[in-house]
């Protein structure tokens, strides 16, 4: 039983590495937009702490943290909006398949 499960798992892995990249090869531009958008969305979580650390080095104690929090919030919102736009731009060509899924 254990050998059968391993052989099925190995066959699926081989299938994924050989077939899936060939299917998505012409759509590399769209996939790149989606990946960049997801990276921007996930990276936006570090905008506030980064700005707070940067501003606390240059500005006096309470004001550096407050201005860093404000500047980081603006950066975070901009990065999230830009990331959502990138994901939507990369996923727009695949919207025609949504009707088939329903």
N, C-alpha and C. Protein backbone atom coordinates (compact mmCIF):
# COMPACT_ATOMS: atom_id res chain seq x y z
N UNK A 1 0.83 -1.20 0.00
CA UNK A 1 0.00 0.00 0.00
C UNK A 1 0.87 1.26 0.00
N UNK A 2 1.91 1.25 0.81
CA UNK A 2 2.78 2.41 0.93
C UNK A 2 3.54 2.66 -0.37
N UNK A 3 3.92 1.59 -1.06
CA UNK A 3 4.64 1.71 -2.32
C UNK A 3 3.72 2.28 -3.40
N UNK A 4 2.47 1.93 -3.38
CA UNK A 4 1.50 2.45 -4.35
C UNK A 4 1.28 3.94 -4.15
N UNK A 5 1.16 4.38 -2.93
CA UNK A 5 0.97 5.80 -2.64
C UNK A 5 2.20 6.59 -3.09
N UNK A 6 3.38 6.05 -2.84
CA UNK A 6 4.60 6.73 -3.27
C UNK A 6 4.69 6.82 -4.78
N UNK A 7 4.33 5.76 -5.48
CA UNK A 7 4.41 5.79 -6.95
C UNK A 7 3.39 6.77 -7.54
N UNK A 8 2.21 6.87 -6.96
CA UNK A 8 1.22 7.84 -7.43
C UNK A 8 1.69 9.26 -7.17
N UNK A 9 2.24 9.50 -5.99
CA UNK A 9 2.78 10.82 -5.66
C UNK A 9 3.91 11.20 -6.60
N UNK A 10 4.81 10.27 -6.89
CA UNK A 10 5.92 10.52 -7.80
C UNK A 10 5.41 10.82 -9.21
N UNK A 11 4.40 10.10 -9.67
CA UNK A 11 3.84 10.33 -11.00
C UNK A 11 3.20 11.72 -11.10
N UNK A 12 2.53 12.16 -10.05
CA UNK A 12 1.91 13.49 -10.05
C UNK A 12 2.98 14.57 -10.08
N UNK A 13 4.04 14.40 -9.32
CA UNK A 13 5.13 15.39 -9.31
C UNK A 13 5.80 15.47 -10.68
N UNK A 14 6.05 14.35 -11.30
CA UNK A 14 6.66 14.34 -12.64
C UNK A 14 5.72 15.02 -13.63
N UNK A 15 4.43 14.74 -13.52
CA UNK A 15 3.46 15.37 -14.41
C UNK A 15 3.45 16.89 -14.24
N UNK A 16 3.48 17.37 -13.02
CA UNK A 16 3.44 18.80 -12.78
C UNK A 16 4.69 19.51 -13.31
N UNK A 17 5.84 18.88 -13.18
CA UNK A 17 7.07 19.52 -13.65
C UNK A 17 7.24 19.45 -15.16
N UNK A 18 6.56 18.54 -15.82
CA UNK A 18 6.73 18.42 -17.27
C UNK A 18 5.63 19.09 -18.06
N UNK A 19 4.41 19.09 -17.57
CA UNK A 19 3.28 19.57 -18.36
C UNK A 19 2.89 21.00 -18.02
N UNK A 20 2.82 21.35 -16.77
CA UNK A 20 2.29 22.64 -16.36
C UNK A 20 3.12 23.82 -16.88
N UNK A 21 4.45 23.81 -16.84
CA UNK A 21 5.17 24.96 -17.40
C UNK A 21 4.94 25.14 -18.90
N UNK A 22 4.74 24.06 -19.64
CA UNK A 22 4.49 24.19 -21.07
C UNK A 22 3.12 24.80 -21.34
N UNK A 23 2.16 24.55 -20.47
CA UNK A 23 0.82 25.10 -20.65
C UNK A 23 0.82 26.61 -20.42
N UNK A 24 1.54 27.08 -19.40
CA UNK A 24 1.53 28.49 -19.06
C UNK A 24 2.62 29.32 -19.71
N UNK A 25 3.38 28.74 -20.62
CA UNK A 25 4.51 29.46 -21.20
C UNK A 25 4.10 30.72 -21.96
N UNK A 26 3.06 30.74 -22.77
CA UNK A 26 2.72 31.97 -23.49
C UNK A 26 2.18 33.07 -22.58
N UNK A 27 1.73 32.72 -21.41
CA UNK A 27 1.13 33.70 -20.50
C UNK A 27 2.11 34.19 -19.45
N UNK A 28 3.38 34.20 -19.76
CA UNK A 28 4.38 34.57 -18.76
C UNK A 28 4.25 36.03 -18.33
N UNK A 29 3.81 36.90 -19.22
CA UNK A 29 3.63 38.30 -18.86
C UNK A 29 2.53 38.46 -17.81
N UNK A 30 1.42 37.75 -18.00
CA UNK A 30 0.32 37.83 -17.03
C UNK A 30 0.71 37.23 -15.69
N UNK A 31 1.43 36.13 -15.73
CA UNK A 31 1.88 35.52 -14.48
C UNK A 31 2.86 36.43 -13.76
N UNK A 32 3.69 37.13 -14.51
CA UNK A 32 4.63 38.07 -13.89
C UNK A 32 3.89 39.21 -13.19
N UNK A 33 2.81 39.71 -13.81
CA UNK A 33 2.01 40.75 -13.15
C UNK A 33 1.39 40.23 -11.86
N UNK A 34 0.88 39.01 -11.89
CA UNK A 34 0.26 38.45 -10.70
C UNK A 34 1.30 38.27 -9.60
N UNK A 35 2.46 37.75 -9.94
CA UNK A 35 3.50 37.55 -8.94
C UNK A 35 3.98 38.87 -8.36
N UNK A 36 4.15 39.88 -9.22
CA UNK A 36 4.58 41.18 -8.71
C UNK A 36 3.52 41.78 -7.79
N UNK A 37 2.25 41.64 -8.16
CA UNK A 37 1.18 42.16 -7.31
C UNK A 37 1.12 41.48 -5.96
N UNK A 38 1.26 40.17 -5.95
CA UNK A 38 1.25 39.45 -4.68
C UNK A 38 2.46 39.85 -3.84
N UNK A 39 3.59 40.02 -4.48
CA UNK A 39 4.78 40.47 -3.75
C UNK A 39 4.61 41.85 -3.15
N UNK A 40 3.97 42.75 -3.90
CA UNK A 40 3.74 44.09 -3.37
C UNK A 40 2.75 44.07 -2.21
N UNK A 41 1.73 43.23 -2.32
CA UNK A 41 0.74 43.15 -1.24
C UNK A 41 1.38 42.57 0.02
N UNK A 42 2.13 41.48 -0.13
CA UNK A 42 2.77 40.88 1.04
C UNK A 42 3.89 41.77 1.60
N UNK A 43 4.59 42.47 0.73
CA UNK A 43 5.66 43.34 1.18
C UNK A 43 5.17 44.61 1.86
N UNK A 44 3.91 44.95 1.64
CA UNK A 44 3.38 46.16 2.25
C UNK A 44 3.26 46.04 3.77
N UNK A 45 3.31 44.83 4.28
CA UNK A 45 3.21 44.66 5.73
C UNK A 45 4.43 45.23 6.46
N UNK A 46 5.53 45.36 5.75
CA UNK A 46 6.75 45.88 6.37
C UNK A 46 6.94 47.37 6.18
N UNK A 47 6.00 48.04 5.54
CA UNK A 47 6.17 49.47 5.26
C UNK A 47 6.14 50.31 6.53
N UNK A 48 5.23 50.03 7.43
CA UNK A 48 5.10 50.83 8.65
C UNK A 48 6.32 50.66 9.57
N UNK A 49 6.72 49.43 9.90
CA UNK A 49 7.89 49.31 10.78
C UNK A 49 9.16 49.89 10.16
N UNK A 50 9.33 49.72 8.85
CA UNK A 50 10.51 50.26 8.20
C UNK A 50 10.55 51.78 8.28
N UNK A 51 9.43 52.41 7.99
CA UNK A 51 9.37 53.88 8.05
C UNK A 51 9.55 54.38 9.48
N UNK A 52 9.03 53.64 10.46
CA UNK A 52 9.19 54.07 11.85
C UNK A 52 10.65 54.00 12.28
N UNK A 53 11.34 52.96 11.87
CA UNK A 53 12.76 52.84 12.22
C UNK A 53 13.58 53.92 11.52
N UNK A 54 13.28 54.17 10.24
CA UNK A 54 14.02 55.19 9.50
C UNK A 54 13.80 56.58 10.08
N UNK A 55 12.57 56.91 10.41
CA UNK A 55 12.29 58.25 10.96
C UNK A 55 12.77 58.40 12.39
N UNK A 56 12.81 57.33 13.16
CA UNK A 56 13.27 57.45 14.54
C UNK A 56 14.77 57.71 14.61
N UNK A 57 15.49 57.42 13.55
CA UNK A 57 16.92 57.72 13.52
C UNK A 57 17.19 59.20 13.26
N UNK A 58 16.30 59.86 12.54
CA UNK A 58 16.55 61.24 12.09
C UNK A 58 15.80 62.29 12.90
N UNK A 59 14.65 61.94 13.46
CA UNK A 59 13.80 62.91 14.13
C UNK A 59 13.73 62.55 15.62
N UNK A 60 13.45 63.54 16.46
CA UNK A 60 13.38 63.32 17.90
C UNK A 60 12.40 62.20 18.25
N UNK A 61 12.57 61.66 19.45
CA UNK A 61 11.89 60.43 19.88
C UNK A 61 10.40 60.36 19.57
N UNK A 62 9.53 61.14 20.15
CA UNK A 62 8.12 60.83 19.89
C UNK A 62 7.69 61.19 18.47
N UNK A 63 8.31 62.22 17.89
CA UNK A 63 7.87 62.68 16.57
C UNK A 63 8.35 61.75 15.46
N UNK A 64 9.49 61.14 15.63
CA UNK A 64 10.00 60.23 14.62
C UNK A 64 9.13 59.00 14.46
N UNK A 65 8.63 58.49 15.56
CA UNK A 65 7.78 57.31 15.51
C UNK A 65 6.43 57.66 14.89
N UNK A 66 5.88 58.81 15.26
CA UNK A 66 4.57 59.21 14.73
C UNK A 66 4.66 59.50 13.24
N UNK A 67 5.67 60.27 12.82
CA UNK A 67 5.78 60.56 11.38
C UNK A 67 6.12 59.30 10.60
N UNK A 68 6.88 58.39 11.19
CA UNK A 68 7.17 57.12 10.53
C UNK A 68 5.93 56.28 10.36
N UNK A 69 5.07 56.29 11.38
CA UNK A 69 3.82 55.53 11.27
C UNK A 69 2.93 56.11 10.18
N UNK A 70 2.86 57.43 10.11
CA UNK A 70 2.04 58.06 9.07
C UNK A 70 2.61 57.81 7.68
N UNK A 71 3.91 57.99 7.54
CA UNK A 71 4.54 57.77 6.24
C UNK A 71 4.45 56.31 5.83
N UNK A 72 4.61 55.40 6.77
CA UNK A 72 4.49 53.97 6.49
C UNK A 72 3.08 53.58 6.11
N UNK A 73 2.09 54.21 6.73
CA UNK A 73 0.70 53.92 6.39
C UNK A 73 0.40 54.34 4.96
N UNK A 74 0.89 55.50 4.57
CA UNK A 74 0.67 55.96 3.20
C UNK A 74 1.36 55.02 2.21
N UNK A 75 2.57 54.61 2.51
CA UNK A 75 3.28 53.67 1.65
C UNK A 75 2.56 52.33 1.57
N UNK A 76 2.06 51.87 2.71
CA UNK A 76 1.38 50.59 2.75
C UNK A 76 0.11 50.62 1.91
N UNK A 77 -0.67 51.66 2.05
CA UNK A 77 -1.90 51.76 1.27
C UNK A 77 -1.58 51.85 -0.21
N UNK A 78 -0.59 52.64 -0.57
CA UNK A 78 -0.20 52.73 -1.98
C UNK A 78 0.30 51.40 -2.53
N UNK A 79 1.04 50.67 -1.74
CA UNK A 79 1.55 49.38 -2.18
C UNK A 79 0.43 48.35 -2.32
N UNK A 80 -0.53 48.38 -1.41
CA UNK A 80 -1.66 47.45 -1.50
C UNK A 80 -2.50 47.76 -2.73
N UNK A 81 -2.78 49.03 -2.96
CA UNK A 81 -3.59 49.40 -4.14
C UNK A 81 -2.84 49.02 -5.42
N UNK A 82 -1.56 49.32 -5.48
CA UNK A 82 -0.77 48.95 -6.66
C UNK A 82 -0.70 47.45 -6.86
N UNK A 83 -0.59 46.70 -5.78
CA UNK A 83 -0.56 45.25 -5.87
C UNK A 83 -1.87 44.67 -6.35
N UNK A 84 -2.98 45.22 -5.87
CA UNK A 84 -4.30 44.75 -6.32
C UNK A 84 -4.49 45.06 -7.80
N UNK A 85 -4.03 46.22 -8.25
CA UNK A 85 -4.13 46.56 -9.67
C UNK A 85 -3.28 45.61 -10.51
N UNK A 86 -2.08 45.28 -10.04
CA UNK A 86 -1.23 44.34 -10.77
C UNK A 86 -1.87 42.95 -10.86
N UNK A 87 -2.44 42.48 -9.76
CA UNK A 87 -3.09 41.17 -9.77
C UNK A 87 -4.30 41.19 -10.70
N UNK A 88 -5.07 42.28 -10.67
CA UNK A 88 -6.23 42.37 -11.56
C UNK A 88 -5.79 42.44 -13.02
N UNK A 89 -4.70 43.16 -13.29
CA UNK A 89 -4.21 43.27 -14.66
C UNK A 89 -3.70 41.92 -15.17
N UNK A 90 -3.04 41.17 -14.31
CA UNK A 90 -2.55 39.87 -14.72
C UNK A 90 -3.65 38.83 -14.81
N UNK A 91 -4.69 38.97 -14.01
CA UNK A 91 -5.77 37.98 -14.01
C UNK A 91 -6.91 38.29 -14.96
N UNK A 92 -6.92 39.47 -15.56
CA UNK A 92 -8.01 39.86 -16.46
C UNK A 92 -8.16 38.94 -17.67
N UNK A 93 -7.09 38.48 -18.31
CA UNK A 93 -7.29 37.59 -19.44
C UNK A 93 -7.93 36.26 -19.07
N UNK A 94 -7.87 35.88 -17.81
CA UNK A 94 -8.45 34.61 -17.38
C UNK A 94 -9.89 34.76 -16.91
N UNK A 95 -10.43 35.95 -16.94
CA UNK A 95 -11.81 36.16 -16.48
C UNK A 95 -12.81 35.49 -17.41
N UNK A 96 -12.44 35.29 -18.65
CA UNK A 96 -13.37 34.64 -19.59
C UNK A 96 -13.62 33.18 -19.20
N UNK A 97 -12.72 32.59 -18.43
CA UNK A 97 -12.91 31.21 -18.02
C UNK A 97 -13.78 31.09 -16.78
N UNK A 98 -14.10 32.19 -16.13
CA UNK A 98 -14.94 32.15 -14.93
C UNK A 98 -16.36 31.70 -15.28
N UNK A 99 -16.86 32.08 -16.45
CA UNK A 99 -18.19 31.67 -16.87
C UNK A 99 -18.24 30.16 -17.09
N UNK A 100 -17.15 29.58 -17.55
CA UNK A 100 -17.12 28.14 -17.77
C UNK A 100 -17.10 27.37 -16.45
N UNK A 101 -16.52 27.98 -15.42
CA UNK A 101 -16.44 27.32 -14.13
C UNK A 101 -17.80 27.29 -13.43
N UNK A 102 -18.64 28.25 -13.75
CA UNK A 102 -19.96 28.29 -13.12
C UNK A 102 -20.87 27.37 -13.84
